[in-house]
Amino acid sequence: MRVTEKKLADGVIKLECEATAIEVNNALKEAGEAFALSMGVRPEPGKSIEQLCQEQLGIADLDKIVEMNAIEVLVPRALDRRNLVPAFPPKATPSVKFERGKKFSFALNVTVKPTYELTSYEPVEITVAPFVFDESPINQQLEEIAKNSVTYVATDAKPLTAGDACSIAMKCFDDGEEIKALTCED
């Protein structure tokens, strides 16, 4: 990949990048494989990822689906060529159409991550306010789940009053299958 840089204002560097046809093909392959894996398509001997996506997902043009991801594969490679560490991921601006088997040109405006040099090695003290977490939304959701998931069957119509004792038989199910570890007779 050929990368040239130009310094702009406020520490921004503009990179003009040109990926070779081989690099474009490799980026498409990498993005296609990642997409197929995320969609549950597994490699099979003698079949390409494109063929498998066509058969299993009905995708006729995998390159179009993964084009933006393939471009994003090229971005860190361009940054590595100039040994730049961005403060945040830069967005590629294409100069030409992205196509398999052809060179691809794009630009990046990179805000370089600043570096700091300590003027002293004396201890530093930082005071942070304690983190407070409100558990009420979680408890409310748990109560809703329990309320909507439990069926009570009374075997004795007499209501319990203060001081009464009772036995509870409980059966727990997951998708209609009894969970023995959570089932009890008393």
N, C-alpha and C. Protein backbone atom coordinates (compact mmCIF):
# COMPACT_ATOMS: atom_id res chain seq x y z
N MET A 1 0.85 -1.17 0.00
CA MET A 1 0.00 0.00 0.00
C MET A 1 0.89 1.23 0.00
N ARG A 2 0.55 2.17 -0.85
CA ARG A 2 1.29 3.42 -0.92
C ARG A 2 0.52 4.46 -0.11
N VAL A 3 1.21 5.11 0.81
CA VAL A 3 0.57 6.09 1.69
C VAL A 3 1.44 7.35 1.74
N THR A 4 0.81 8.49 1.47
CA THR A 4 1.50 9.77 1.62
C THR A 4 0.77 10.58 2.67
N GLU A 5 1.50 11.42 3.37
CA GLU A 5 0.86 12.20 4.43
C GLU A 5 1.09 13.69 4.24
N LYS A 6 0.11 14.45 4.73
CA LYS A 6 0.18 15.90 4.67
C LYS A 6 -0.37 16.42 6.00
N LYS A 7 0.39 17.31 6.64
CA LYS A 7 -0.05 17.86 7.93
C LYS A 7 -1.07 18.97 7.70
N LEU A 8 -2.18 18.87 8.41
CA LEU A 8 -3.22 19.90 8.38
C LEU A 8 -3.20 20.65 9.70
N ALA A 9 -4.16 21.51 9.92
CA ALA A 9 -4.23 22.29 11.17
C ALA A 9 -4.65 21.40 12.34
N ASP A 10 -4.36 21.89 13.54
CA ASP A 10 -4.78 21.26 14.81
C ASP A 10 -4.28 19.82 14.97
N GLY A 11 -3.12 19.50 14.46
CA GLY A 11 -2.55 18.17 14.67
C GLY A 11 -3.17 17.06 13.83
N VAL A 12 -3.97 17.41 12.85
CA VAL A 12 -4.60 16.42 11.98
C VAL A 12 -3.66 16.15 10.81
N ILE A 13 -3.56 14.87 10.47
CA ILE A 13 -2.73 14.47 9.33
C ILE A 13 -3.64 13.82 8.29
N LYS A 14 -3.51 14.28 7.06
CA LYS A 14 -4.30 13.70 5.97
C LYS A 14 -3.44 12.66 5.27
N LEU A 15 -3.96 11.44 5.18
CA LEU A 15 -3.28 10.37 4.49
C LEU A 15 -3.97 10.10 3.16
N GLU A 16 -3.20 10.08 2.10
CA GLU A 16 -3.69 9.67 0.78
C GLU A 16 -3.17 8.25 0.58
N CYS A 17 -4.08 7.31 0.40
CA CYS A 17 -3.71 5.90 0.38
C CYS A 17 -4.13 5.24 -0.93
N GLU A 18 -3.29 4.32 -1.41
CA GLU A 18 -3.65 3.55 -2.60
C GLU A 18 -3.30 2.09 -2.33
N ALA A 19 -4.35 1.26 -2.25
CA ALA A 19 -4.18 -0.18 -2.04
C ALA A 19 -4.06 -0.86 -3.39
N THR A 20 -3.20 -1.85 -3.47
CA THR A 20 -3.04 -2.61 -4.71
C THR A 20 -4.25 -3.52 -4.90
N ALA A 21 -4.39 -4.06 -6.11
CA ALA A 21 -5.49 -4.99 -6.39
C ALA A 21 -5.41 -6.22 -5.49
N ILE A 22 -4.20 -6.68 -5.19
CA ILE A 22 -4.03 -7.85 -4.31
C ILE A 22 -4.50 -7.51 -2.90
N GLU A 23 -4.16 -6.31 -2.41
CA GLU A 23 -4.59 -5.90 -1.08
C GLU A 23 -6.11 -5.76 -1.01
N VAL A 24 -6.72 -5.27 -2.08
CA VAL A 24 -8.18 -5.16 -2.14
C VAL A 24 -8.81 -6.55 -2.08
N ASN A 25 -8.27 -7.49 -2.86
CA ASN A 25 -8.79 -8.85 -2.86
C ASN A 25 -8.65 -9.50 -1.49
N ASN A 26 -7.50 -9.29 -0.84
CA ASN A 26 -7.28 -9.85 0.50
C ASN A 26 -8.23 -9.24 1.52
N ALA A 27 -8.47 -7.94 1.42
CA ALA A 27 -9.41 -7.28 2.35
C ALA A 27 -10.82 -7.82 2.15
N LEU A 28 -11.23 -8.02 0.90
CA LEU A 28 -12.55 -8.58 0.62
C LEU A 28 -12.66 -10.01 1.16
N LYS A 29 -11.59 -10.78 1.00
CA LYS A 29 -11.59 -12.16 1.51
C LYS A 29 -11.73 -12.16 3.04
N GLU A 30 -10.94 -11.32 3.70
CA GLU A 30 -10.98 -11.24 5.17
C GLU A 30 -12.35 -10.79 5.66
N ALA A 31 -12.91 -9.76 5.03
CA ALA A 31 -14.23 -9.27 5.43
C ALA A 31 -15.31 -10.30 5.14
N GLY A 32 -15.20 -11.00 4.02
CA GLY A 32 -16.18 -12.04 3.67
C GLY A 32 -16.15 -13.19 4.65
N GLU A 33 -14.96 -13.60 5.05
CA GLU A 33 -14.83 -14.69 6.02
C GLU A 33 -15.40 -14.29 7.38
N ALA A 34 -15.14 -13.06 7.80
CA ALA A 34 -15.67 -12.57 9.08
C ALA A 34 -17.20 -12.51 9.03
N PHE A 35 -17.75 -12.03 7.92
CA PHE A 35 -19.21 -11.96 7.76
C PHE A 35 -19.82 -13.36 7.80
N ALA A 36 -19.23 -14.28 7.05
CA ALA A 36 -19.75 -15.65 7.00
C ALA A 36 -19.73 -16.29 8.38
N LEU A 37 -18.64 -16.10 9.11
CA LEU A 37 -18.54 -16.65 10.46
C LEU A 37 -19.60 -16.06 11.37
N SER A 38 -19.83 -14.75 11.27
CA SER A 38 -20.85 -14.11 12.12
C SER A 38 -22.26 -14.59 11.78
N MET A 39 -22.46 -15.06 10.55
CA MET A 39 -23.77 -15.54 10.12
C MET A 39 -23.91 -17.06 10.30
N GLY A 40 -22.90 -17.70 10.88
CA GLY A 40 -22.98 -19.14 11.14
C GLY A 40 -22.60 -20.01 9.96
N VAL A 41 -22.02 -19.44 8.92
CA VAL A 41 -21.59 -20.21 7.76
C VAL A 41 -20.20 -20.75 8.05
N ARG A 42 -20.05 -22.06 7.98
CA ARG A 42 -18.78 -22.70 8.29
C ARG A 42 -18.09 -23.15 6.99
N PRO A 43 -16.76 -23.09 6.94
CA PRO A 43 -16.04 -23.53 5.74
C PRO A 43 -16.29 -25.00 5.44
N GLU A 44 -16.32 -25.32 4.16
CA GLU A 44 -16.44 -26.71 3.71
C GLU A 44 -15.36 -26.95 2.67
N PRO A 45 -14.76 -28.14 2.68
CA PRO A 45 -13.71 -28.43 1.69
C PRO A 45 -14.24 -28.30 0.26
N GLY A 46 -13.46 -27.65 -0.57
CA GLY A 46 -13.81 -27.54 -1.98
C GLY A 46 -14.79 -26.44 -2.33
N LYS A 47 -15.23 -25.65 -1.34
CA LYS A 47 -16.19 -24.57 -1.61
C LYS A 47 -15.65 -23.25 -1.07
N SER A 48 -15.85 -22.20 -1.85
CA SER A 48 -15.42 -20.87 -1.42
C SER A 48 -16.46 -20.27 -0.48
N ILE A 49 -16.05 -19.25 0.24
CA ILE A 49 -16.98 -18.55 1.14
C ILE A 49 -18.13 -17.96 0.33
N GLU A 50 -17.81 -17.45 -0.86
CA GLU A 50 -18.85 -16.88 -1.73
C GLU A 50 -19.90 -17.93 -2.09
N GLN A 51 -19.44 -19.16 -2.43
CA GLN A 51 -20.36 -20.24 -2.77
C GLN A 51 -21.22 -20.62 -1.58
N LEU A 52 -20.61 -20.73 -0.41
CA LEU A 52 -21.34 -21.11 0.79
C LEU A 52 -22.39 -20.06 1.17
N CYS A 53 -22.04 -18.78 1.04
CA CYS A 53 -22.99 -17.70 1.34
C CYS A 53 -24.14 -17.72 0.34
N GLN A 54 -23.83 -18.05 -0.92
CA GLN A 54 -24.88 -18.15 -1.94
C GLN A 54 -25.83 -19.29 -1.58
N GLU A 55 -25.28 -20.46 -1.25
CA GLU A 55 -26.09 -21.64 -0.95
C GLU A 55 -26.89 -21.49 0.34
N GLN A 56 -26.23 -21.03 1.41
CA GLN A 56 -26.85 -21.03 2.73
C GLN A 56 -27.62 -19.76 3.05
N LEU A 57 -27.19 -18.63 2.49
CA LEU A 57 -27.83 -17.35 2.83
C LEU A 57 -28.53 -16.69 1.65
N GLY A 58 -28.32 -17.22 0.45
CA GLY A 58 -28.93 -16.64 -0.73
C GLY A 58 -28.30 -15.33 -1.16
N ILE A 59 -27.03 -15.11 -0.81
CA ILE A 59 -26.34 -13.87 -1.15
C ILE A 59 -25.61 -14.06 -2.48
N ALA A 60 -26.05 -13.34 -3.50
CA ALA A 60 -25.46 -13.47 -4.82
C ALA A 60 -24.15 -12.71 -4.95
N ASP A 61 -24.02 -11.54 -4.31
CA ASP A 61 -22.82 -10.72 -4.44
C ASP A 61 -22.29 -10.39 -3.04
N LEU A 62 -21.47 -11.28 -2.51
CA LEU A 62 -20.91 -11.11 -1.17
C LEU A 62 -20.04 -9.86 -1.09
N ASP A 63 -19.33 -9.52 -2.17
CA ASP A 63 -18.46 -8.34 -2.16
C ASP A 63 -19.24 -7.07 -1.83
N LYS A 64 -20.44 -6.92 -2.36
CA LYS A 64 -21.26 -5.74 -2.08
C LYS A 64 -21.67 -5.68 -0.61
N ILE A 65 -21.95 -6.84 -0.03
CA ILE A 65 -22.37 -6.90 1.37
C ILE A 65 -21.23 -6.47 2.30
N VAL A 66 -20.01 -6.91 1.98
CA VAL A 66 -18.88 -6.68 2.89
C VAL A 66 -17.97 -5.54 2.46
N GLU A 67 -18.38 -4.78 1.46
CA GLU A 67 -17.54 -3.71 0.92
C GLU A 67 -17.05 -2.74 1.99
N MET A 68 -17.95 -2.22 2.81
CA MET A 68 -17.55 -1.24 3.82
C MET A 68 -16.61 -1.87 4.85
N ASN A 69 -16.86 -3.13 5.22
CA ASN A 69 -15.97 -3.80 6.17
C ASN A 69 -14.59 -4.03 5.55
N ALA A 70 -14.56 -4.34 4.26
CA ALA A 70 -13.27 -4.54 3.58
C ALA A 70 -12.48 -3.24 3.55
N ILE A 71 -13.16 -2.13 3.33
CA ILE A 71 -12.47 -0.83 3.35
C ILE A 71 -11.90 -0.58 4.75
N GLU A 72 -12.69 -0.91 5.77
CA GLU A 72 -12.23 -0.74 7.15
C GLU A 72 -11.04 -1.64 7.49
N VAL A 73 -10.89 -2.76 6.78
CA VAL A 73 -9.72 -3.63 6.96
C VAL A 73 -8.46 -2.90 6.48
N LEU A 74 -8.59 -2.07 5.45
CA LEU A 74 -7.43 -1.38 4.88
C LEU A 74 -6.97 -0.20 5.74
N VAL A 75 -7.86 0.38 6.54
CA VAL A 75 -7.54 1.58 7.32
C VAL A 75 -6.37 1.35 8.29
N PRO A 76 -6.41 0.33 9.16
CA PRO A 76 -5.27 0.16 10.08
C PRO A 76 -3.96 -0.15 9.36
N ARG A 77 -4.05 -0.76 8.20
CA ARG A 77 -2.83 -1.04 7.43
C ARG A 77 -2.20 0.25 6.92
N ALA A 78 -3.04 1.19 6.52
CA ALA A 78 -2.52 2.50 6.09
C ALA A 78 -1.89 3.23 7.27
N LEU A 79 -2.52 3.17 8.43
CA LEU A 79 -1.97 3.81 9.63
C LEU A 79 -0.62 3.20 10.00
N ASP A 80 -0.53 1.88 9.88
CA ASP A 80 0.74 1.20 10.20
C ASP A 80 1.86 1.63 9.27
N ARG A 81 1.54 1.88 8.01
CA ARG A 81 2.56 2.31 7.04
C ARG A 81 3.23 3.61 7.47
N ARG A 82 2.49 4.49 8.12
CA ARG A 82 3.04 5.78 8.56
C ARG A 82 3.34 5.78 10.06
N ASN A 83 3.15 4.62 10.71
CA ASN A 83 3.42 4.48 12.14
C ASN A 83 2.65 5.51 12.96
N LEU A 84 1.34 5.64 12.66
CA LEU A 84 0.49 6.60 13.36
C LEU A 84 -0.45 5.89 14.31
N VAL A 85 -0.67 6.50 15.47
CA VAL A 85 -1.65 5.99 16.42
C VAL A 85 -2.74 7.06 16.53
N PRO A 86 -3.95 6.75 16.03
CA PRO A 86 -5.01 7.76 16.04
C PRO A 86 -5.65 7.90 17.42
N ALA A 87 -6.16 9.08 17.69
CA ALA A 87 -6.88 9.31 18.95
C ALA A 87 -8.23 8.59 18.92
N PHE A 88 -8.79 8.42 17.73
CA PHE A 88 -10.03 7.68 17.52
C PHE A 88 -10.00 7.15 16.09
N PRO A 89 -10.78 6.11 15.79
CA PRO A 89 -10.71 5.52 14.45
C PRO A 89 -11.10 6.51 13.35
N PRO A 90 -10.22 6.71 12.36
CA PRO A 90 -10.55 7.61 11.26
C PRO A 90 -11.48 6.93 10.25
N LYS A 91 -12.24 7.72 9.54
CA LYS A 91 -13.18 7.22 8.53
C LYS A 91 -12.54 7.38 7.15
N ALA A 92 -12.59 6.31 6.36
CA ALA A 92 -12.02 6.35 5.01
C ALA A 92 -12.97 7.07 4.06
N THR A 93 -12.40 7.94 3.22
CA THR A 93 -13.15 8.64 2.18
C THR A 93 -12.64 8.13 0.84
N PRO A 94 -13.43 7.27 0.16
CA PRO A 94 -12.98 6.69 -1.11
C PRO A 94 -12.82 7.75 -2.21
N SER A 95 -11.80 7.56 -3.07
CA SER A 95 -11.59 8.42 -4.23
C SER A 95 -12.11 7.76 -5.49
N VAL A 96 -12.15 6.42 -5.47
CA VAL A 96 -12.62 5.64 -6.62
C VAL A 96 -13.55 4.54 -6.11
N LYS A 97 -14.23 3.90 -7.04
CA LYS A 97 -15.13 2.80 -6.70
C LYS A 97 -14.32 1.61 -6.18
N PHE A 98 -14.85 0.96 -5.15
CA PHE A 98 -14.18 -0.20 -4.55
C PHE A 98 -14.59 -1.44 -5.33
N GLU A 99 -13.63 -2.08 -6.00
CA GLU A 99 -13.93 -3.26 -6.80
C GLU A 99 -12.84 -4.30 -6.65
N ARG A 100 -13.26 -5.57 -6.66
CA ARG A 100 -12.31 -6.68 -6.61
C ARG A 100 -11.40 -6.61 -7.84
N GLY A 101 -10.11 -6.86 -7.62
CA GLY A 101 -9.16 -6.92 -8.71
C GLY A 101 -8.68 -5.58 -9.23
N LYS A 102 -9.06 -4.48 -8.55
CA LYS A 102 -8.64 -3.15 -8.99
C LYS A 102 -8.01 -2.39 -7.83
N LYS A 103 -7.13 -1.43 -8.18
CA LYS A 103 -6.55 -0.56 -7.15
C LYS A 103 -7.66 0.25 -6.51
N PHE A 104 -7.43 0.63 -5.26
CA PHE A 104 -8.42 1.42 -4.54
C PHE A 104 -7.72 2.57 -3.83
N SER A 105 -8.20 3.79 -4.08
CA SER A 105 -7.63 4.98 -3.44
C SER A 105 -8.62 5.55 -2.45
N PHE A 106 -8.10 5.99 -1.31
CA PHE A 106 -8.94 6.60 -0.29
C PHE A 106 -8.10 7.57 0.54
N ALA A 107 -8.79 8.45 1.24
CA ALA A 107 -8.13 9.43 2.10
C ALA A 107 -8.57 9.21 3.54
N LEU A 108 -7.71 9.55 4.46
CA LEU A 108 -8.00 9.48 5.90
C LEU A 108 -7.56 10.79 6.54
N ASN A 109 -8.41 11.37 7.36
CA ASN A 109 -8.00 12.50 8.20
C ASN A 109 -7.79 11.93 9.59
N VAL A 110 -6.55 11.90 10.03
CA VAL A 110 -6.18 11.25 11.28
C VAL A 110 -5.83 12.29 12.33
N THR A 111 -6.55 12.25 13.43
CA THR A 111 -6.18 13.04 14.60
C THR A 111 -5.26 12.16 15.42
N VAL A 112 -4.00 12.53 15.47
CA VAL A 112 -2.99 11.71 16.13
C VAL A 112 -3.17 11.76 17.64
N LYS A 113 -3.05 10.59 18.25
CA LYS A 113 -3.14 10.50 19.71
C LYS A 113 -1.99 11.29 20.32
N PRO A 114 -2.30 12.23 21.20
CA PRO A 114 -1.21 13.04 21.77
C PRO A 114 -0.32 12.21 22.70
N THR A 115 0.92 12.62 22.78
CA THR A 115 1.86 11.99 23.71
C THR A 115 2.19 13.01 24.79
N TYR A 116 2.41 12.52 25.98
CA TYR A 116 2.70 13.39 27.11
C TYR A 116 4.01 12.96 27.74
N GLU A 117 4.76 13.94 28.18
CA GLU A 117 5.99 13.65 28.88
C GLU A 117 5.87 14.19 30.29
N LEU A 118 6.15 13.34 31.26
CA LEU A 118 6.07 13.76 32.65
C LEU A 118 7.22 14.72 32.96
N THR A 119 6.89 15.79 33.65
CA THR A 119 7.92 16.73 34.06
C THR A 119 8.53 16.33 35.40
N SER A 120 7.81 15.44 36.10
CA SER A 120 8.27 15.01 37.41
C SER A 120 7.76 13.59 37.65
N TYR A 121 8.50 12.86 38.46
CA TYR A 121 8.08 11.51 38.80
C TYR A 121 7.59 11.43 40.24
N GLU A 122 7.15 12.56 40.76
CA GLU A 122 6.61 12.57 42.11
C GLU A 122 5.24 11.87 42.09
N PRO A 123 4.84 11.28 43.22
CA PRO A 123 3.54 10.59 43.25
C PRO A 123 2.38 11.53 42.90
N VAL A 124 1.42 10.96 42.24
CA VAL A 124 0.23 11.70 41.84
C VAL A 124 -0.95 11.14 42.63
N GLU A 125 -1.81 12.01 43.10
CA GLU A 125 -2.98 11.57 43.85
C GLU A 125 -4.23 12.03 43.12
N ILE A 126 -5.14 11.10 42.92
CA ILE A 126 -6.40 11.40 42.25
C ILE A 126 -7.53 10.97 43.15
N THR A 127 -8.49 11.84 43.34
CA THR A 127 -9.67 11.51 44.15
C THR A 127 -10.87 11.39 43.22
N VAL A 128 -11.52 10.25 43.29
CA VAL A 128 -12.67 9.98 42.45
C VAL A 128 -13.87 9.73 43.36
N ALA A 129 -14.99 10.32 42.99
CA ALA A 129 -16.21 10.11 43.79
C ALA A 129 -16.60 8.64 43.71
N PRO A 130 -17.13 8.08 44.82
CA PRO A 130 -17.53 6.67 44.80
C PRO A 130 -18.66 6.44 43.79
N PHE A 131 -18.62 5.29 43.16
CA PHE A 131 -19.63 4.93 42.18
C PHE A 131 -20.88 4.44 42.90
N VAL A 132 -22.01 5.01 42.57
CA VAL A 132 -23.28 4.62 43.18
C VAL A 132 -24.14 4.01 42.08
N PHE A 133 -24.61 2.80 42.34
CA PHE A 133 -25.41 2.09 41.35
C PHE A 133 -26.81 1.87 41.89
N ASP A 134 -27.80 2.26 41.12
CA ASP A 134 -29.20 2.10 41.50
C ASP A 134 -29.68 0.74 41.01
N GLU A 135 -29.92 -0.19 41.94
CA GLU A 135 -30.34 -1.54 41.58
C GLU A 135 -31.84 -1.66 41.39
N SER A 136 -32.60 -0.61 41.62
CA SER A 136 -34.06 -0.72 41.54
C SER A 136 -34.56 -1.13 40.15
N PRO A 137 -33.99 -0.64 39.03
CA PRO A 137 -34.49 -1.13 37.73
C PRO A 137 -34.25 -2.63 37.53
N ILE A 138 -33.12 -3.13 38.03
CA ILE A 138 -32.83 -4.56 37.91
C ILE A 138 -33.81 -5.36 38.75
N ASN A 139 -34.02 -4.92 40.00
CA ASN A 139 -34.96 -5.62 40.87
C ASN A 139 -36.36 -5.61 40.28
N GLN A 140 -36.75 -4.50 39.68
CA GLN A 140 -38.07 -4.39 39.06
C GLN A 140 -38.19 -5.38 37.89
N GLN A 141 -37.16 -5.49 37.09
CA GLN A 141 -37.18 -6.45 35.98
C GLN A 141 -37.24 -7.88 36.49
N LEU A 142 -36.48 -8.18 37.54
CA LEU A 142 -36.52 -9.53 38.11
C LEU A 142 -37.90 -9.86 38.65
N GLU A 143 -38.55 -8.90 39.30
CA GLU A 143 -39.90 -9.12 39.81
C GLU A 143 -40.88 -9.37 38.66
N GLU A 144 -40.73 -8.62 37.57
CA GLU A 144 -41.60 -8.82 36.40
C GLU A 144 -41.40 -10.20 35.80
N ILE A 145 -40.14 -10.63 35.69
CA ILE A 145 -39.85 -11.95 35.15
C ILE A 145 -40.47 -13.02 36.04
N ALA A 146 -40.28 -12.89 37.35
CA ALA A 146 -40.84 -13.88 38.28
C ALA A 146 -42.36 -13.88 38.23
N LYS A 147 -42.95 -12.70 38.16
CA LYS A 147 -44.42 -12.61 38.13
C LYS A 147 -44.98 -13.25 36.87
N ASN A 148 -44.30 -13.07 35.76
CA ASN A 148 -44.79 -13.60 34.48
C ASN A 148 -44.39 -15.05 34.24
N SER A 149 -43.53 -15.62 35.07
CA SER A 149 -43.02 -16.97 34.84
C SER A 149 -43.52 -17.99 35.84
N VAL A 150 -44.26 -17.59 36.85
CA VAL A 150 -44.64 -18.50 37.92
C VAL A 150 -46.15 -18.77 37.87
N THR A 151 -46.50 -20.03 38.09
CA THR A 151 -47.90 -20.41 38.20
C THR A 151 -48.09 -21.01 39.59
N TYR A 152 -49.00 -20.43 40.37
CA TYR A 152 -49.27 -20.92 41.71
C TYR A 152 -50.53 -21.78 41.67
N VAL A 153 -50.45 -22.96 42.31
CA VAL A 153 -51.61 -23.84 42.41
C VAL A 153 -51.82 -24.12 43.89
N ALA A 154 -52.95 -23.68 44.43
CA ALA A 154 -53.25 -23.90 45.85
C ALA A 154 -53.89 -25.28 46.01
N THR A 155 -53.35 -26.10 46.95
CA THR A 155 -53.95 -27.40 47.20
C THR A 155 -54.83 -27.36 48.44
N ASP A 156 -54.67 -26.33 49.25
CA ASP A 156 -55.50 -26.15 50.45
C ASP A 156 -56.09 -24.75 50.36
N ALA A 157 -57.38 -24.68 50.33
CA ALA A 157 -58.04 -23.39 50.12
C ALA A 157 -57.93 -22.47 51.33
N LYS A 158 -57.52 -22.97 52.50
CA LYS A 158 -57.43 -22.14 53.70
C LYS A 158 -56.26 -21.17 53.56
N PRO A 159 -56.50 -19.86 53.62
CA PRO A 159 -55.39 -18.91 53.53
C PRO A 159 -54.52 -18.96 54.78
N LEU A 160 -53.24 -18.67 54.59
CA LEU A 160 -52.32 -18.66 55.72
C LEU A 160 -52.51 -17.38 56.52
N THR A 161 -52.34 -17.53 57.83
CA THR A 161 -52.40 -16.37 58.72
C THR A 161 -51.12 -16.35 59.54
N ALA A 162 -50.89 -15.26 60.25
CA ALA A 162 -49.68 -15.12 61.05
C ALA A 162 -49.55 -16.30 62.00
N GLY A 163 -48.36 -16.89 62.07
CA GLY A 163 -48.10 -18.00 62.96
C GLY A 163 -48.33 -19.36 62.32
N ASP A 164 -48.96 -19.44 61.13
CA ASP A 164 -49.20 -20.72 60.46
C ASP A 164 -47.89 -21.24 59.86
N ALA A 165 -47.82 -22.51 59.65
CA ALA A 165 -46.70 -23.16 58.97
C ALA A 165 -47.27 -23.83 57.72
N CYS A 166 -46.45 -23.98 56.73
CA CYS A 166 -46.93 -24.62 55.50
C CYS A 166 -45.81 -25.37 54.81
N SER A 167 -46.16 -26.24 53.91
CA SER A 167 -45.21 -26.96 53.05
C SER A 167 -45.44 -26.49 51.63
N ILE A 168 -44.37 -26.40 50.90
CA ILE A 168 -44.47 -25.99 49.51
C ILE A 168 -43.81 -27.06 48.65
N ALA A 169 -44.55 -27.57 47.69
CA ALA A 169 -43.99 -28.47 46.68
C ALA A 169 -43.76 -27.61 45.45
N MET A 170 -42.60 -27.76 44.83
CA MET A 170 -42.27 -26.87 43.73
C MET A 170 -41.66 -27.68 42.59
N LYS A 171 -42.12 -27.40 41.36
CA LYS A 171 -41.53 -27.99 40.16
C LYS A 171 -41.12 -26.84 39.26
N CYS A 172 -39.89 -26.87 38.77
CA CYS A 172 -39.39 -25.82 37.88
C CYS A 172 -39.17 -26.42 36.50
N PHE A 173 -39.54 -25.63 35.47
CA PHE A 173 -39.43 -26.10 34.09
C PHE A 173 -38.68 -25.07 33.26
N ASP A 174 -37.97 -25.57 32.28
CA ASP A 174 -37.32 -24.72 31.29
C ASP A 174 -37.73 -25.26 29.92
N ASP A 175 -38.48 -24.47 29.18
CA ASP A 175 -39.02 -24.88 27.87
C ASP A 175 -39.76 -26.21 27.97
N GLY A 176 -40.55 -26.37 29.02
CA GLY A 176 -41.35 -27.57 29.18
C GLY A 176 -40.62 -28.75 29.77
N GLU A 177 -39.32 -28.63 29.99
CA GLU A 177 -38.54 -29.73 30.55
C GLU A 177 -38.27 -29.45 32.02
N GLU A 178 -38.59 -30.41 32.90
CA GLU A 178 -38.43 -30.22 34.34
C GLU A 178 -36.96 -30.14 34.72
N ILE A 179 -36.65 -29.16 35.60
CA ILE A 179 -35.28 -29.00 36.12
C ILE A 179 -35.26 -29.67 37.48
N LYS A 180 -34.66 -30.86 37.53
CA LYS A 180 -34.67 -31.69 38.76
C LYS A 180 -33.97 -30.98 39.92
N ALA A 181 -32.90 -30.26 39.66
CA ALA A 181 -32.14 -29.61 40.74
C ALA A 181 -32.95 -28.53 41.46
N LEU A 182 -33.97 -27.97 40.80
CA LEU A 182 -34.76 -26.92 41.43
C LEU A 182 -36.14 -27.40 41.85
N THR A 183 -36.41 -28.67 41.75
CA THR A 183 -37.71 -29.24 42.11
C THR A 183 -37.62 -29.81 43.52
N CYS A 184 -38.66 -29.55 44.32
CA CYS A 184 -38.68 -30.10 45.68
C CYS A 184 -40.10 -30.48 46.08
N GLU A 185 -40.21 -31.45 46.99
CA GLU A 185 -41.53 -31.90 47.46
C GLU A 185 -41.92 -31.18 48.74
N ASP A 186 -40.96 -30.71 49.51
CA ASP A 186 -41.29 -30.08 50.80
C ASP A 186 -40.21 -29.07 51.16
